[in-house]
């Protein structure tokens, strides 16, 4: 099995897994909500697509686009998960006299 076929297989398995997890959540509302796992999944899929593009000698611009997009998805995931300070979450109150 060559690298391209291996990456295609990994992408297919990932797509099936995502569909199953999403369908399970839609039907039962159990497990992680899609917004909790989709950015992480997107980052990983974009890395696999970049690897696949390299394996078929695609334009470097497409590889850079995939890697950059993966970084954005990863950053979004981190920002969502990063704990916020309690003071930042407190609602603003009008000063009382």
C-alpha atoms as a PDB file:
ATOM      1  CA  UNK A   1       0.000   0.000   0.000  1.00  0.00           C
ATOM      2  CA  UNK A   2       1.450   3.371  -0.952  1.00  0.00           C
ATOM      3  CA  UNK A   3       1.267   6.589   1.085  1.00  0.00           C
ATOM      4  CA  UNK A   4      -1.579   8.096  -0.935  1.00  0.00           C
ATOM      5  CA  UNK A   5      -3.768   5.029  -0.456  1.00  0.00           C
ATOM      6  CA  UNK A   6      -2.932   4.908   3.247  1.00  0.00           C
ATOM      7  CA  UNK A   7      -3.922   8.556   3.726  1.00  0.00           C
ATOM      8  CA  UNK A   8      -7.105   7.988   1.702  1.00  0.00           C
ATOM      9  CA  UNK A   9      -7.967   5.082   3.988  1.00  0.00           C
ATOM     10  CA  UNK A  10      -7.315   7.190   7.099  1.00  0.00           C
ATOM     11  CA  UNK A  11      -9.500   9.992   5.696  1.00  0.00           C
ATOM     12  CA  UNK A  12     -12.306   7.553   4.923  1.00  0.00           C
ATOM     13  CA  UNK A  13     -12.175   6.015   8.400  1.00  0.00           C
ATOM     14  CA  UNK A  14     -12.153   9.486   9.947  1.00  0.00           C
ATOM     15  CA  UNK A  15     -15.180  10.537   7.879  1.00  0.00           C
ATOM     16  CA  UNK A  16     -17.126   7.428   8.925  1.00  0.00           C
ATOM     17  CA  UNK A  17     -16.180   7.982  12.563  1.00  0.00           C
ATOM     18  CA  UNK A  18     -17.304  11.624  12.405  1.00  0.00           C
ATOM     19  CA  UNK A  19     -20.627  10.679  10.826  1.00  0.00           C
ATOM     20  CA  UNK A  20     -21.271   8.020  13.469  1.00  0.00           C
ATOM     21  CA  UNK A  21     -20.409  10.328  16.381  1.00  0.00           C
ATOM     22  CA  UNK A  22     -22.522  13.137  14.909  1.00  0.00           C
ATOM     23  CA  UNK A  23     -25.490  10.835  14.215  1.00  0.00           C
ATOM     24  CA  UNK A  24     -25.270   9.366  17.709  1.00  0.00           C
ATOM     25  CA  UNK A  25     -25.258  12.854  19.216  1.00  0.00           C
ATOM     26  CA  UNK A  26     -28.214  13.948  17.046  1.00  0.00           C
ATOM     27  CA  UNK A  27     -30.275  10.940  18.035  1.00  0.00           C
ATOM     28  CA  UNK A  28     -29.444  10.665  21.722  1.00  0.00           C
ATOM     29  CA  UNK A  29     -27.857  13.987  22.760  1.00  0.00           C
ATOM     30  CA  UNK A  30     -25.238  11.853  24.505  1.00  0.00           C
ATOM     31  CA  UNK A  31     -21.516  12.222  24.060  1.00  0.00           C
ATOM     32  CA  UNK A  32     -19.630  15.327  23.043  1.00  0.00           C
ATOM     33  CA  UNK A  33     -21.460  18.057  21.161  1.00  0.00           C
ATOM     34  CA  UNK A  34     -20.187  18.646  17.623  1.00  0.00           C
ATOM     35  CA  UNK A  35     -18.652  22.016  18.465  1.00  0.00           C
ATOM     36  CA  UNK A  36     -16.556  20.231  21.093  1.00  0.00           C
ATOM     37  CA  UNK A  37     -14.829  17.938  18.595  1.00  0.00           C
ATOM     38  CA  UNK A  38     -15.213  19.352  15.098  1.00  0.00           C
ATOM     39  CA  UNK A  39     -12.387  21.939  15.273  1.00  0.00           C
ATOM     40  CA  UNK A  40      -9.984  19.263  16.479  1.00  0.00           C
ATOM     41  CA  UNK A  41     -11.189  16.883  13.773  1.00  0.00           C
ATOM     42  CA  UNK A  42     -10.855  19.599  11.117  1.00  0.00           C
ATOM     43  CA  UNK A  43      -7.263  20.280  12.165  1.00  0.00           C
ATOM     44  CA  UNK A  44      -6.387  16.599  11.877  1.00  0.00           C
ATOM     45  CA  UNK A  45      -8.167  16.137   8.553  1.00  0.00           C
ATOM     46  CA  UNK A  46      -6.404  19.172   7.104  1.00  0.00           C
ATOM     47  CA  UNK A  47      -3.052  17.740   8.181  1.00  0.00           C
ATOM     48  CA  UNK A  48      -3.920  14.465   6.456  1.00  0.00           C
ATOM     49  CA  UNK A  49      -4.990  16.322   3.313  1.00  0.00           C
ATOM     50  CA  UNK A  50      -1.679  18.215   3.330  1.00  0.00           C
ATOM     51  CA  UNK A  51       0.170  14.894   3.605  1.00  0.00           C
ATOM     52  CA  UNK A  52      -1.872  13.480   0.746  1.00  0.00           C
ATOM     53  CA  UNK A  53      -1.142  16.534  -1.393  1.00  0.00           C
ATOM     54  CA  UNK A  54       2.573  16.104  -0.756  1.00  0.00           C
ATOM     55  CA  UNK A  55       2.311  12.424  -1.696  1.00  0.00           C
ATOM     56  CA  UNK A  56       0.956  13.327  -5.155  1.00  0.00           C
ATOM     57  CA  UNK A  57       3.375  16.237  -5.719  1.00  0.00           C
ATOM     58  CA  UNK A  58       0.640  18.883  -5.613  1.00  0.00           C
ATOM     59  CA  UNK A  59       1.416  22.573  -5.674  1.00  0.00           C
ATOM     60  CA  UNK A  60       3.126  23.818  -2.539  1.00  0.00           C
ATOM     61  CA  UNK A  61       0.509  26.582  -2.298  1.00  0.00           C
ATOM     62  CA  UNK A  62      -2.206  23.979  -1.617  1.00  0.00           C
ATOM     63  CA  UNK A  63      -0.069  22.289   1.020  1.00  0.00           C
ATOM     64  CA  UNK A  64       0.593  25.623   2.745  1.00  0.00           C
ATOM     65  CA  UNK A  65      -3.132  26.466   2.606  1.00  0.00           C
ATOM     66  CA  UNK A  66      -4.022  23.151   4.270  1.00  0.00           C
ATOM     67  CA  UNK A  67      -1.347  23.523   6.942  1.00  0.00           C
ATOM     68  CA  UNK A  68      -2.369  27.118   7.660  1.00  0.00           C
ATOM     69  CA  UNK A  69      -6.035  26.179   7.856  1.00  0.00           C
ATOM     70  CA  UNK A  70      -5.167  23.341  10.200  1.00  0.00           C
ATOM     71  CA  UNK A  71      -3.379  25.819  12.451  1.00  0.00           C
ATOM     72  CA  UNK A  72      -6.421  28.106  12.461  1.00  0.00           C
ATOM     73  CA  UNK A  73      -8.726  25.215  13.387  1.00  0.00           C
ATOM     74  CA  UNK A  74      -6.316  24.160  16.134  1.00  0.00           C
ATOM     75  CA  UNK A  75      -6.137  27.724  17.459  1.00  0.00           C
ATOM     76  CA  UNK A  76      -9.933  27.971  17.487  1.00  0.00           C
ATOM     77  CA  UNK A  77     -10.103  24.718  19.435  1.00  0.00           C
ATOM     78  CA  UNK A  78      -7.550  25.946  21.972  1.00  0.00           C
ATOM     79  CA  UNK A  79      -9.312  29.280  22.477  1.00  0.00           C
ATOM     80  CA  UNK A  80     -12.610  27.492  23.096  1.00  0.00           C
ATOM     81  CA  UNK A  81     -11.056  25.124  25.632  1.00  0.00           C
ATOM     82  CA  UNK A  82      -8.798  27.596  27.434  1.00  0.00           C
ATOM     83  CA  UNK A  83     -10.063  28.331  30.956  1.00  0.00           C
ATOM     84  CA  UNK A  84     -11.183  31.890  31.433  1.00  0.00           C
ATOM     85  CA  UNK A  85     -10.526  33.949  34.509  1.00  0.00           C
ATOM     86  CA  UNK A  86     -13.458  34.368  36.827  1.00  0.00           C
ATOM     87  CA  UNK A  87     -13.280  38.183  36.656  1.00  0.00           C
ATOM     88  CA  UNK A  88     -13.487  38.098  32.874  1.00  0.00           C
ATOM     89  CA  UNK A  89     -16.729  36.128  33.081  1.00  0.00           C
ATOM     90  CA  UNK A  90     -18.402  38.387  35.645  1.00  0.00           C
ATOM     91  CA  UNK A  91     -21.080  40.621  34.115  1.00  0.00           C
ATOM     92  CA  UNK A  92     -20.375  44.338  34.051  1.00  0.00           C
ATOM     93  CA  UNK A  93     -22.405  46.270  36.617  1.00  0.00           C
ATOM     94  CA  UNK A  94     -23.255  49.916  36.611  1.00  0.00           C
ATOM     95  CA  UNK A  95     -21.584  51.799  39.462  1.00  0.00           C
ATOM     96  CA  UNK A  96     -23.889  52.451  42.417  1.00  0.00           C
ATOM     97  CA  UNK A  97     -23.757  55.616  44.429  1.00  0.00           C
END
